[in-house]
Amino acid sequence: MEMIFDFIESNYILMIFYSIVINIIVLLVFFIQRFKLSKIQRMYRSVTRDMKGKNLEELIHQYYEKIDSVDIRMNQIEREQEKIEQKLLKSIQHVGIVRYDAFDDIGGNLSFSLALLDEEQDGLVLTSIYSRNNSTVYGKPIRKGKSSYALSVEELQALDRAKENFLDEYIKTTSEKVYNSETS
């Protein structure tokens, strides 16, 4: 025991120095941890600001339930969108029309051939032939851009126009023509 006291007596200055250094390090660690803790407390207060007696765990659980329900709803919407896109492929998207005089003695371009196609170029060609005594309408099916029936020149022109024109382009050009003829 006397050896310990002799050691302390001979090295007390060194021991005081080391204890001061250790105390300074402990104080630094304390202030750093205090700063981190206050930062976490501020974040916690901002998260729980409007909770009014709710448990943070309950709040997180509610958010997870909302996320799950949104995910389920999103999957339903995606399935519905796929169904709509498949139906849209079968809707009329391409239109072509040719107006003409079927007979030399009748003017006014009252006869027409109208091609209506979907995205896969399936559809039909309608032809209306106008004469002084009657009007006749013919329909011919179109599969993959071709008909199993013989097509007239006007029907082929309407079919070619339909392959080139989308429905919205057809409506735009038709409305411009009507507007220009009304203003002239």
N, C-alpha and C. Protein backbone atom coordinates (compact mmCIF):
# COMPACT_ATOMS: atom_id res chain seq x y z
N MET A 1 0.82 -1.18 0.00
CA MET A 1 0.00 0.00 0.00
C MET A 1 0.86 1.25 0.00
N GLU A 2 1.97 1.13 0.70
CA GLU A 2 2.88 2.27 0.76
C GLU A 2 3.44 2.58 -0.62
N MET A 3 3.58 1.57 -1.43
CA MET A 3 4.07 1.78 -2.78
C MET A 3 3.08 2.62 -3.60
N ILE A 4 1.85 2.39 -3.40
CA ILE A 4 0.83 3.14 -4.12
C ILE A 4 0.89 4.60 -3.69
N PHE A 5 1.01 4.84 -2.39
CA PHE A 5 1.10 6.22 -1.91
C PHE A 5 2.36 6.91 -2.40
N ASP A 6 3.45 6.18 -2.46
CA ASP A 6 4.70 6.75 -2.99
C ASP A 6 4.54 7.10 -4.47
N PHE A 7 3.88 6.21 -5.21
CA PHE A 7 3.67 6.46 -6.64
C PHE A 7 2.80 7.70 -6.84
N ILE A 8 1.74 7.82 -6.05
CA ILE A 8 0.84 8.96 -6.16
C ILE A 8 1.59 10.23 -5.78
N GLU A 9 2.39 10.17 -4.72
CA GLU A 9 3.14 11.35 -4.27
C GLU A 9 4.14 11.80 -5.31
N SER A 10 4.76 10.89 -5.97
CA SER A 10 5.77 11.26 -6.96
C SER A 10 5.15 11.67 -8.29
N ASN A 11 3.93 11.22 -8.59
CA ASN A 11 3.31 11.49 -9.92
C ASN A 11 1.99 12.24 -9.79
N TYR A 12 1.76 12.93 -8.72
CA TYR A 12 0.45 13.58 -8.53
C TYR A 12 0.19 14.66 -9.57
N ILE A 13 1.20 15.37 -10.03
CA ILE A 13 1.01 16.41 -11.05
C ILE A 13 0.57 15.77 -12.37
N LEU A 14 1.20 14.68 -12.70
CA LEU A 14 0.83 13.97 -13.93
C LEU A 14 -0.59 13.42 -13.83
N MET A 15 -0.97 12.92 -12.70
CA MET A 15 -2.33 12.39 -12.50
C MET A 15 -3.37 13.51 -12.56
N ILE A 16 -3.06 14.65 -12.03
CA ILE A 16 -3.98 15.78 -12.11
C ILE A 16 -4.15 16.21 -13.56
N PHE A 17 -3.06 16.24 -14.30
CA PHE A 17 -3.12 16.62 -15.72
C PHE A 17 -4.01 15.65 -16.50
N TYR A 18 -3.81 14.34 -16.30
CA TYR A 18 -4.61 13.35 -17.00
C TYR A 18 -6.08 13.42 -16.60
N SER A 19 -6.35 13.68 -15.35
CA SER A 19 -7.75 13.79 -14.91
C SER A 19 -8.42 15.03 -15.53
N ILE A 20 -7.66 16.12 -15.67
CA ILE A 20 -8.21 17.32 -16.33
C ILE A 20 -8.50 17.02 -17.79
N VAL A 21 -7.58 16.36 -18.47
CA VAL A 21 -7.80 16.02 -19.89
C VAL A 21 -9.01 15.11 -20.04
N ILE A 22 -9.11 14.12 -19.18
CA ILE A 22 -10.25 13.20 -19.25
C ILE A 22 -11.55 13.95 -18.97
N ASN A 23 -11.54 14.85 -17.99
CA ASN A 23 -12.74 15.65 -17.70
C ASN A 23 -13.13 16.53 -18.89
N ILE A 24 -12.14 17.12 -19.55
CA ILE A 24 -12.42 17.95 -20.73
C ILE A 24 -13.05 17.10 -21.83
N ILE A 25 -12.51 15.91 -22.05
CA ILE A 25 -13.06 15.01 -23.08
C ILE A 25 -14.49 14.61 -22.72
N VAL A 26 -14.73 14.29 -21.46
CA VAL A 26 -16.08 13.92 -21.01
C VAL A 26 -17.03 15.10 -21.22
N LEU A 27 -16.59 16.31 -20.89
CA LEU A 27 -17.44 17.49 -21.11
C LEU A 27 -17.75 17.69 -22.60
N LEU A 28 -16.76 17.52 -23.46
CA LEU A 28 -16.98 17.64 -24.90
C LEU A 28 -18.00 16.61 -25.38
N VAL A 29 -17.83 15.38 -24.95
CA VAL A 29 -18.78 14.33 -25.33
C VAL A 29 -20.18 14.67 -24.81
N PHE A 30 -20.23 15.17 -23.58
CA PHE A 30 -21.52 15.56 -23.00
C PHE A 30 -22.21 16.63 -23.84
N PHE A 31 -21.48 17.70 -24.22
CA PHE A 31 -22.09 18.78 -25.01
C PHE A 31 -22.48 18.31 -26.42
N ILE A 32 -21.67 17.45 -27.00
CA ILE A 32 -22.02 16.92 -28.33
C ILE A 32 -23.30 16.10 -28.24
N GLN A 33 -23.39 15.25 -27.22
CA GLN A 33 -24.59 14.44 -27.05
C GLN A 33 -25.80 15.30 -26.71
N ARG A 34 -25.59 16.33 -25.94
CA ARG A 34 -26.69 17.25 -25.61
C ARG A 34 -27.20 17.94 -26.87
N PHE A 35 -26.29 18.36 -27.74
CA PHE A 35 -26.67 19.00 -29.00
C PHE A 35 -27.48 18.03 -29.87
N LYS A 36 -27.00 16.79 -29.98
CA LYS A 36 -27.71 15.79 -30.77
C LYS A 36 -29.09 15.50 -30.19
N LEU A 37 -29.16 15.41 -28.86
CA LEU A 37 -30.43 15.14 -28.21
C LEU A 37 -31.42 16.28 -28.44
N SER A 38 -30.96 17.52 -28.35
CA SER A 38 -31.88 18.65 -28.57
C SER A 38 -32.36 18.68 -30.02
N LYS A 39 -31.49 18.29 -30.94
CA LYS A 39 -31.90 18.21 -32.35
C LYS A 39 -32.98 17.15 -32.54
N ILE A 40 -32.81 16.01 -31.91
CA ILE A 40 -33.80 14.93 -32.00
C ILE A 40 -35.11 15.36 -31.34
N GLN A 41 -35.02 16.08 -30.22
CA GLN A 41 -36.23 16.56 -29.55
C GLN A 41 -37.00 17.54 -30.43
N ARG A 42 -36.28 18.43 -31.13
CA ARG A 42 -36.95 19.37 -32.04
C ARG A 42 -37.65 18.62 -33.16
N MET A 43 -36.98 17.62 -33.72
CA MET A 43 -37.60 16.82 -34.79
C MET A 43 -38.82 16.08 -34.26
N TYR A 44 -38.71 15.53 -33.07
CA TYR A 44 -39.84 14.81 -32.46
C TYR A 44 -41.01 15.74 -32.24
N ARG A 45 -40.75 16.95 -31.73
CA ARG A 45 -41.82 17.92 -31.51
C ARG A 45 -42.49 18.31 -32.82
N SER A 46 -41.68 18.48 -33.87
CA SER A 46 -42.28 18.87 -35.16
C SER A 46 -43.14 17.74 -35.73
N VAL A 47 -42.74 16.48 -35.50
CA VAL A 47 -43.53 15.35 -35.99
C VAL A 47 -44.80 15.18 -35.16
N THR A 48 -44.70 15.37 -33.86
CA THR A 48 -45.86 15.14 -32.98
C THR A 48 -46.62 16.40 -32.66
N ARG A 49 -46.40 17.46 -33.40
CA ARG A 49 -47.02 18.76 -33.13
C ARG A 49 -48.54 18.69 -33.09
N ASP A 50 -49.19 18.02 -34.05
CA ASP A 50 -50.65 18.02 -34.12
C ASP A 50 -51.26 16.71 -33.65
N MET A 51 -50.53 15.96 -32.87
CA MET A 51 -51.03 14.63 -32.49
C MET A 51 -52.06 14.69 -31.37
N LYS A 52 -51.92 15.57 -30.41
CA LYS A 52 -52.86 15.75 -29.30
C LYS A 52 -53.19 14.42 -28.61
N GLY A 53 -52.24 13.86 -27.94
CA GLY A 53 -52.46 12.66 -27.15
C GLY A 53 -52.28 11.36 -27.91
N LYS A 54 -51.99 11.42 -29.17
CA LYS A 54 -51.78 10.19 -29.94
C LYS A 54 -50.37 9.68 -29.71
N ASN A 55 -50.27 8.40 -29.82
CA ASN A 55 -48.98 7.74 -29.68
C ASN A 55 -48.28 7.80 -31.04
N LEU A 56 -46.99 8.05 -31.03
CA LEU A 56 -46.23 8.12 -32.28
C LEU A 56 -46.29 6.79 -33.02
N GLU A 57 -46.28 5.72 -32.29
CA GLU A 57 -46.36 4.39 -32.91
C GLU A 57 -47.70 4.22 -33.63
N GLU A 58 -48.79 4.69 -33.02
CA GLU A 58 -50.11 4.62 -33.65
C GLU A 58 -50.14 5.46 -34.93
N LEU A 59 -49.54 6.63 -34.87
CA LEU A 59 -49.51 7.51 -36.02
C LEU A 59 -48.75 6.86 -37.19
N ILE A 60 -47.61 6.28 -36.88
CA ILE A 60 -46.83 5.60 -37.92
C ILE A 60 -47.63 4.42 -38.48
N HIS A 61 -48.31 3.68 -37.63
CA HIS A 61 -49.14 2.56 -38.08
C HIS A 61 -50.26 3.03 -39.00
N GLN A 62 -50.89 4.14 -38.66
CA GLN A 62 -51.95 4.71 -39.51
C GLN A 62 -51.40 5.12 -40.88
N TYR A 63 -50.22 5.71 -40.88
CA TYR A 63 -49.62 6.10 -42.16
C TYR A 63 -49.30 4.88 -43.02
N TYR A 64 -48.81 3.83 -42.41
CA TYR A 64 -48.54 2.60 -43.16
C TYR A 64 -49.83 2.02 -43.74
N GLU A 65 -50.92 2.07 -42.97
CA GLU A 65 -52.21 1.59 -43.49
C GLU A 65 -52.67 2.43 -44.67
N LYS A 66 -52.48 3.76 -44.59
CA LYS A 66 -52.85 4.63 -45.70
C LYS A 66 -52.01 4.32 -46.93
N ILE A 67 -50.72 4.10 -46.73
CA ILE A 67 -49.83 3.78 -47.85
C ILE A 67 -50.26 2.47 -48.49
N ASP A 68 -50.61 1.48 -47.67
CA ASP A 68 -51.06 0.20 -48.21
C ASP A 68 -52.35 0.36 -49.02
N SER A 69 -53.29 1.15 -48.49
CA SER A 69 -54.55 1.34 -49.22
C SER A 69 -54.32 2.11 -50.52
N VAL A 70 -53.41 3.08 -50.50
CA VAL A 70 -53.09 3.81 -51.73
C VAL A 70 -52.42 2.88 -52.73
N ASP A 71 -51.57 2.00 -52.26
CA ASP A 71 -50.91 1.04 -53.14
C ASP A 71 -51.93 0.10 -53.78
N ILE A 72 -52.89 -0.38 -53.00
CA ILE A 72 -53.94 -1.25 -53.54
C ILE A 72 -54.76 -0.51 -54.58
N ARG A 73 -55.14 0.72 -54.27
CA ARG A 73 -55.93 1.54 -55.20
C ARG A 73 -55.14 1.81 -56.48
N MET A 74 -53.85 2.06 -56.34
CA MET A 74 -53.00 2.33 -57.50
C MET A 74 -52.95 1.10 -58.41
N ASN A 75 -52.85 -0.09 -57.83
CA ASN A 75 -52.85 -1.32 -58.63
C ASN A 75 -54.17 -1.50 -59.35
N GLN A 76 -55.29 -1.18 -58.69
CA GLN A 76 -56.60 -1.27 -59.34
C GLN A 76 -56.68 -0.31 -60.52
N ILE A 77 -56.20 0.91 -60.33
CA ILE A 77 -56.23 1.91 -61.39
C ILE A 77 -55.37 1.47 -62.57
N GLU A 78 -54.21 0.89 -62.28
CA GLU A 78 -53.35 0.41 -63.37
C GLU A 78 -54.03 -0.70 -64.16
N ARG A 79 -54.73 -1.62 -63.47
CA ARG A 79 -55.44 -2.69 -64.18
C ARG A 79 -56.56 -2.11 -65.04
N GLU A 80 -57.29 -1.14 -64.50
CA GLU A 80 -58.36 -0.50 -65.28
C GLU A 80 -57.79 0.23 -66.49
N GLN A 81 -56.67 0.89 -66.30
CA GLN A 81 -56.03 1.60 -67.41
C GLN A 81 -55.62 0.63 -68.51
N GLU A 82 -55.09 -0.53 -68.14
CA GLU A 82 -54.72 -1.54 -69.14
C GLU A 82 -55.95 -2.00 -69.93
N LYS A 83 -57.08 -2.21 -69.22
CA LYS A 83 -58.32 -2.61 -69.91
C LYS A 83 -58.76 -1.53 -70.89
N ILE A 84 -58.70 -0.28 -70.45
CA ILE A 84 -59.12 0.83 -71.31
C ILE A 84 -58.21 0.93 -72.52
N GLU A 85 -56.91 0.76 -72.32
CA GLU A 85 -55.98 0.82 -73.44
C GLU A 85 -56.27 -0.28 -74.45
N GLN A 86 -56.62 -1.48 -73.97
CA GLN A 86 -56.96 -2.57 -74.88
C GLN A 86 -58.23 -2.27 -75.66
N LYS A 87 -59.22 -1.68 -74.99
CA LYS A 87 -60.45 -1.30 -75.69
C LYS A 87 -60.19 -0.17 -76.68
N LEU A 88 -59.30 0.72 -76.32
CA LEU A 88 -58.99 1.85 -77.20
C LEU A 88 -58.37 1.39 -78.51
N LEU A 89 -57.61 0.30 -78.46
CA LEU A 89 -57.03 -0.22 -79.69
C LEU A 89 -58.11 -0.63 -80.69
N LYS A 90 -59.29 -1.00 -80.21
CA LYS A 90 -60.39 -1.42 -81.08
C LYS A 90 -61.35 -0.28 -81.43
N SER A 91 -61.08 0.92 -80.96
CA SER A 91 -61.96 2.05 -81.28
C SER A 91 -61.51 2.69 -82.59
N ILE A 92 -62.42 3.45 -83.20
CA ILE A 92 -62.11 4.12 -84.46
C ILE A 92 -61.09 5.21 -84.19
N GLN A 93 -59.94 5.10 -84.87
CA GLN A 93 -58.87 6.06 -84.68
C GLN A 93 -58.40 6.66 -85.99
N HIS A 94 -58.74 6.03 -87.09
CA HIS A 94 -58.30 6.50 -88.41
C HIS A 94 -59.54 6.68 -89.30
N VAL A 95 -59.63 7.84 -89.92
CA VAL A 95 -60.78 8.15 -90.77
C VAL A 95 -60.29 8.71 -92.09
N GLY A 96 -60.90 8.23 -93.14
CA GLY A 96 -60.61 8.78 -94.47
C GLY A 96 -61.89 8.88 -95.26
N ILE A 97 -62.10 9.97 -95.96
CA ILE A 97 -63.32 10.16 -96.74
C ILE A 97 -62.95 10.73 -98.11
N VAL A 98 -63.70 10.25 -99.10
CA VAL A 98 -63.57 10.77 -100.46
C VAL A 98 -64.97 11.06 -100.95
N ARG A 99 -65.21 12.31 -101.35
CA ARG A 99 -66.50 12.70 -101.95
C ARG A 99 -66.30 12.79 -103.45
N TYR A 100 -67.33 12.37 -104.17
CA TYR A 100 -67.20 12.35 -105.63
C TYR A 100 -68.58 12.31 -106.28
N ASP A 101 -68.60 12.51 -107.58
CA ASP A 101 -69.82 12.37 -108.38
C ASP A 101 -69.80 10.96 -108.98
N ALA A 102 -70.77 10.13 -108.60
CA ALA A 102 -70.81 8.77 -109.11
C ALA A 102 -71.28 8.73 -110.57
N PHE A 103 -72.10 9.71 -110.95
CA PHE A 103 -72.63 9.77 -112.31
C PHE A 103 -72.34 11.14 -112.91
N ASP A 104 -72.11 11.17 -114.20
CA ASP A 104 -71.75 12.41 -114.87
C ASP A 104 -72.86 13.45 -114.84
N ASP A 105 -74.12 13.03 -114.82
CA ASP A 105 -75.23 13.98 -114.89
C ASP A 105 -75.63 14.55 -113.54
N ILE A 106 -74.95 14.14 -112.45
CA ILE A 106 -75.27 14.65 -111.10
C ILE A 106 -74.02 15.29 -110.53
N GLY A 107 -74.12 16.55 -110.12
CA GLY A 107 -72.98 17.25 -109.54
C GLY A 107 -73.11 17.36 -108.03
N GLY A 108 -72.19 18.08 -107.43
CA GLY A 108 -72.26 18.38 -106.00
C GLY A 108 -71.52 17.38 -105.12
N ASN A 109 -70.83 16.42 -105.69
CA ASN A 109 -70.09 15.44 -104.90
C ASN A 109 -70.95 14.83 -103.79
N LEU A 110 -72.13 14.32 -104.16
CA LEU A 110 -73.06 13.78 -103.17
C LEU A 110 -72.79 12.31 -102.84
N SER A 111 -71.96 11.65 -103.61
CA SER A 111 -71.56 10.28 -103.29
C SER A 111 -70.28 10.34 -102.47
N PHE A 112 -70.07 9.32 -101.64
CA PHE A 112 -68.84 9.32 -100.83
C PHE A 112 -68.44 7.90 -100.48
N SER A 113 -67.17 7.76 -100.15
CA SER A 113 -66.63 6.54 -99.56
C SER A 113 -65.95 6.95 -98.27
N LEU A 114 -66.28 6.26 -97.19
CA LEU A 114 -65.79 6.60 -95.86
C LEU A 114 -65.12 5.36 -95.26
N ALA A 115 -63.84 5.48 -94.91
CA ALA A 115 -63.10 4.38 -94.27
C ALA A 115 -62.94 4.70 -92.79
N LEU A 116 -63.30 3.74 -91.94
CA LEU A 116 -63.18 3.87 -90.48
C LEU A 116 -62.35 2.70 -89.97
N LEU A 117 -61.18 3.00 -89.39
CA LEU A 117 -60.25 1.96 -88.96
C LEU A 117 -59.84 2.15 -87.50
N ASP A 118 -59.53 1.03 -86.85
CA ASP A 118 -58.97 1.11 -85.50
C ASP A 118 -57.43 1.10 -85.61
N GLU A 119 -56.76 0.99 -84.47
CA GLU A 119 -55.29 1.07 -84.46
C GLU A 119 -54.66 -0.11 -85.20
N GLU A 120 -55.34 -1.24 -85.24
CA GLU A 120 -54.81 -2.42 -85.93
C GLU A 120 -55.24 -2.47 -87.39
N GLN A 121 -55.81 -1.37 -87.88
CA GLN A 121 -56.30 -1.21 -89.26
C GLN A 121 -57.41 -2.20 -89.59
N ASP A 122 -58.23 -2.49 -88.61
CA ASP A 122 -59.46 -3.24 -88.81
C ASP A 122 -60.61 -2.25 -88.80
N GLY A 123 -61.62 -2.50 -89.59
CA GLY A 123 -62.77 -1.60 -89.61
C GLY A 123 -63.66 -1.86 -90.81
N LEU A 124 -64.09 -0.79 -91.46
CA LEU A 124 -64.97 -0.93 -92.61
C LEU A 124 -64.87 0.28 -93.52
N VAL A 125 -65.34 0.06 -94.73
CA VAL A 125 -65.48 1.14 -95.71
C VAL A 125 -66.95 1.23 -96.05
N LEU A 126 -67.52 2.41 -95.85
CA LEU A 126 -68.91 2.66 -96.23
C LEU A 126 -68.91 3.50 -97.50
N THR A 127 -69.74 3.10 -98.45
CA THR A 127 -69.85 3.85 -99.70
C THR A 127 -71.30 4.16 -99.93
N SER A 128 -71.59 5.42 -100.19
CA SER A 128 -72.94 5.85 -100.52
C SER A 128 -72.90 6.39 -101.95
N ILE A 129 -73.72 5.80 -102.80
CA ILE A 129 -73.80 6.24 -104.19
C ILE A 129 -75.15 6.91 -104.38
N TYR A 130 -75.09 8.18 -104.78
CA TYR A 130 -76.29 9.00 -104.94
C TYR A 130 -76.62 9.13 -106.42
N SER A 131 -77.88 8.88 -106.73
CA SER A 131 -78.37 9.12 -108.09
C SER A 131 -79.65 9.91 -107.97
N ARG A 132 -80.21 10.32 -109.11
CA ARG A 132 -81.44 11.13 -109.07
C ARG A 132 -82.60 10.36 -108.46
N ASN A 133 -82.65 9.06 -108.67
CA ASN A 133 -83.81 8.27 -108.24
C ASN A 133 -83.64 7.62 -106.86
N ASN A 134 -82.42 7.33 -106.49
CA ASN A 134 -82.23 6.67 -105.19
C ASN A 134 -80.80 6.88 -104.69
N SER A 135 -80.59 6.37 -103.50
CA SER A 135 -79.26 6.40 -102.90
C SER A 135 -79.00 5.01 -102.32
N THR A 136 -77.81 4.47 -102.58
CA THR A 136 -77.47 3.12 -102.13
C THR A 136 -76.23 3.19 -101.25
N VAL A 137 -76.25 2.42 -100.17
CA VAL A 137 -75.13 2.39 -99.25
C VAL A 137 -74.56 0.97 -99.20
N TYR A 138 -73.24 0.88 -99.32
CA TYR A 138 -72.54 -0.40 -99.26
C TYR A 138 -71.55 -0.36 -98.09
N GLY A 139 -71.37 -1.48 -97.44
CA GLY A 139 -70.36 -1.60 -96.40
C GLY A 139 -69.47 -2.79 -96.69
N LYS A 140 -68.16 -2.58 -96.55
CA LYS A 140 -67.21 -3.67 -96.79
C LYS A 140 -66.24 -3.73 -95.61
N PRO A 141 -66.06 -4.93 -95.05
CA PRO A 141 -65.15 -5.06 -93.90
C PRO A 141 -63.69 -4.94 -94.31
N ILE A 142 -62.90 -4.43 -93.39
CA ILE A 142 -61.46 -4.27 -93.60
C ILE A 142 -60.75 -5.00 -92.47
N ARG A 143 -59.80 -5.86 -92.81
CA ARG A 143 -58.98 -6.57 -91.82
C ARG A 143 -57.52 -6.32 -92.17
N LYS A 144 -56.77 -5.81 -91.20
CA LYS A 144 -55.34 -5.52 -91.38
C LYS A 144 -55.09 -4.65 -92.60
N GLY A 145 -55.98 -3.70 -92.83
CA GLY A 145 -55.78 -2.72 -93.91
C GLY A 145 -56.21 -3.21 -95.28
N LYS A 146 -56.80 -4.41 -95.37
CA LYS A 146 -57.20 -4.95 -96.67
C LYS A 146 -58.62 -5.49 -96.58
N SER A 147 -59.28 -5.53 -97.73
CA SER A 147 -60.64 -6.06 -97.79
C SER A 147 -60.65 -7.34 -98.61
N SER A 148 -61.53 -8.25 -98.22
CA SER A 148 -61.70 -9.47 -99.00
C SER A 148 -62.60 -9.22 -100.21
N TYR A 149 -63.23 -8.05 -100.27
CA TYR A 149 -64.08 -7.65 -101.39
C TYR A 149 -63.29 -6.70 -102.30
N ALA A 150 -63.70 -6.66 -103.55
CA ALA A 150 -63.06 -5.72 -104.48
C ALA A 150 -63.46 -4.30 -104.08
N LEU A 151 -62.49 -3.39 -104.06
CA LEU A 151 -62.74 -2.00 -103.68
C LEU A 151 -62.64 -1.11 -104.91
N SER A 152 -63.53 -0.12 -104.96
CA SER A 152 -63.47 0.85 -106.06
C SER A 152 -62.29 1.79 -105.83
N VAL A 153 -62.02 2.60 -106.84
CA VAL A 153 -60.92 3.57 -106.74
C VAL A 153 -61.16 4.52 -105.58
N GLU A 154 -62.38 5.00 -105.44
CA GLU A 154 -62.71 5.94 -104.36
C GLU A 154 -62.58 5.27 -102.98
N GLU A 155 -62.99 4.00 -102.90
CA GLU A 155 -62.87 3.28 -101.63
C GLU A 155 -61.40 3.08 -101.27
N LEU A 156 -60.57 2.78 -102.26
CA LEU A 156 -59.13 2.64 -102.01
C LEU A 156 -58.52 3.96 -101.56
N GLN A 157 -58.97 5.06 -102.17
CA GLN A 157 -58.48 6.38 -101.75
C GLN A 157 -58.88 6.67 -100.30
N ALA A 158 -60.13 6.38 -99.96
CA ALA A 158 -60.60 6.60 -98.59
C ALA A 158 -59.80 5.73 -97.61
N LEU A 159 -59.54 4.50 -98.00
CA LEU A 159 -58.76 3.60 -97.15
C LEU A 159 -57.33 4.12 -96.96
N ASP A 160 -56.71 4.59 -98.01
CA ASP A 160 -55.37 5.15 -97.91
C ASP A 160 -55.36 6.39 -97.02
N ARG A 161 -56.36 7.24 -97.18
CA ARG A 161 -56.45 8.43 -96.32
C ARG A 161 -56.62 8.04 -94.85
N ALA A 162 -57.42 7.02 -94.61
CA ALA A 162 -57.64 6.57 -93.23
C ALA A 162 -56.35 6.04 -92.62
N LYS A 163 -55.57 5.35 -93.40
CA LYS A 163 -54.30 4.81 -92.89
C LYS A 163 -53.34 5.94 -92.51
N GLU A 164 -53.46 7.07 -93.20
CA GLU A 164 -52.56 8.21 -92.95
C GLU A 164 -53.09 9.16 -91.88
N ASN A 165 -54.40 9.23 -91.70
CA ASN A 165 -55.00 10.24 -90.81
C ASN A 165 -55.54 9.62 -89.53
N PHE A 166 -55.22 10.27 -88.43
CA PHE A 166 -55.86 9.93 -87.17
C PHE A 166 -57.18 10.69 -87.09
N LEU A 167 -58.07 10.22 -86.23
CA LEU A 167 -59.39 10.81 -86.10
C LEU A 167 -59.33 12.30 -85.75
N ASP A 168 -58.47 12.67 -84.80
CA ASP A 168 -58.38 14.08 -84.41
C ASP A 168 -57.85 14.95 -85.54
N GLU A 169 -56.94 14.42 -86.36
CA GLU A 169 -56.46 15.18 -87.52
C GLU A 169 -57.60 15.37 -88.53
N TYR A 170 -58.39 14.32 -88.73
CA TYR A 170 -59.52 14.39 -89.66
C TYR A 170 -60.52 15.44 -89.20
N ILE A 171 -60.85 15.44 -87.91
CA ILE A 171 -61.82 16.41 -87.38
C ILE A 171 -61.28 17.82 -87.55
N LYS A 172 -60.00 18.01 -87.28
CA LYS A 172 -59.39 19.34 -87.39
C LYS A 172 -59.44 19.84 -88.83
N THR A 173 -59.02 19.01 -89.78
CA THR A 173 -59.00 19.46 -91.18
C THR A 173 -60.41 19.66 -91.71
N THR A 174 -61.36 18.80 -91.31
CA THR A 174 -62.74 18.94 -91.76
C THR A 174 -63.35 20.23 -91.22
N SER A 175 -63.12 20.53 -89.95
CA SER A 175 -63.70 21.75 -89.36
C SER A 175 -63.06 22.99 -89.99
N GLU A 176 -61.78 22.92 -90.34
CA GLU A 176 -61.14 24.06 -91.02
C GLU A 176 -61.75 24.28 -92.39
N LYS A 177 -62.03 23.20 -93.12
CA LYS A 177 -62.64 23.31 -94.44
C LYS A 177 -64.04 23.92 -94.33
N VAL A 178 -64.81 23.47 -93.36
CA VAL A 178 -66.16 24.00 -93.17
C VAL A 178 -66.09 25.48 -92.81
N TYR A 179 -65.19 25.85 -91.93
CA TYR A 179 -65.04 27.24 -91.52
C TYR A 179 -64.62 28.10 -92.71
N ASN A 180 -63.67 27.62 -93.50
CA ASN A 180 -63.21 28.38 -94.67
C ASN A 180 -64.32 28.53 -95.71
N SER A 181 -65.15 27.51 -95.90
CA SER A 181 -66.23 27.62 -96.89
C SER A 181 -67.34 28.55 -96.40
N GLU A 182 -67.55 28.63 -95.07
CA GLU A 182 -68.55 29.52 -94.52
C GLU A 182 -68.11 30.99 -94.60
N THR A 183 -66.83 31.24 -94.45
CA THR A 183 -66.33 32.63 -94.48
C THR A 183 -66.15 33.14 -95.90
N SER A 184 -66.11 32.23 -96.87
CA SER A 184 -65.90 32.67 -98.27
C SER A 184 -67.15 33.21 -98.87
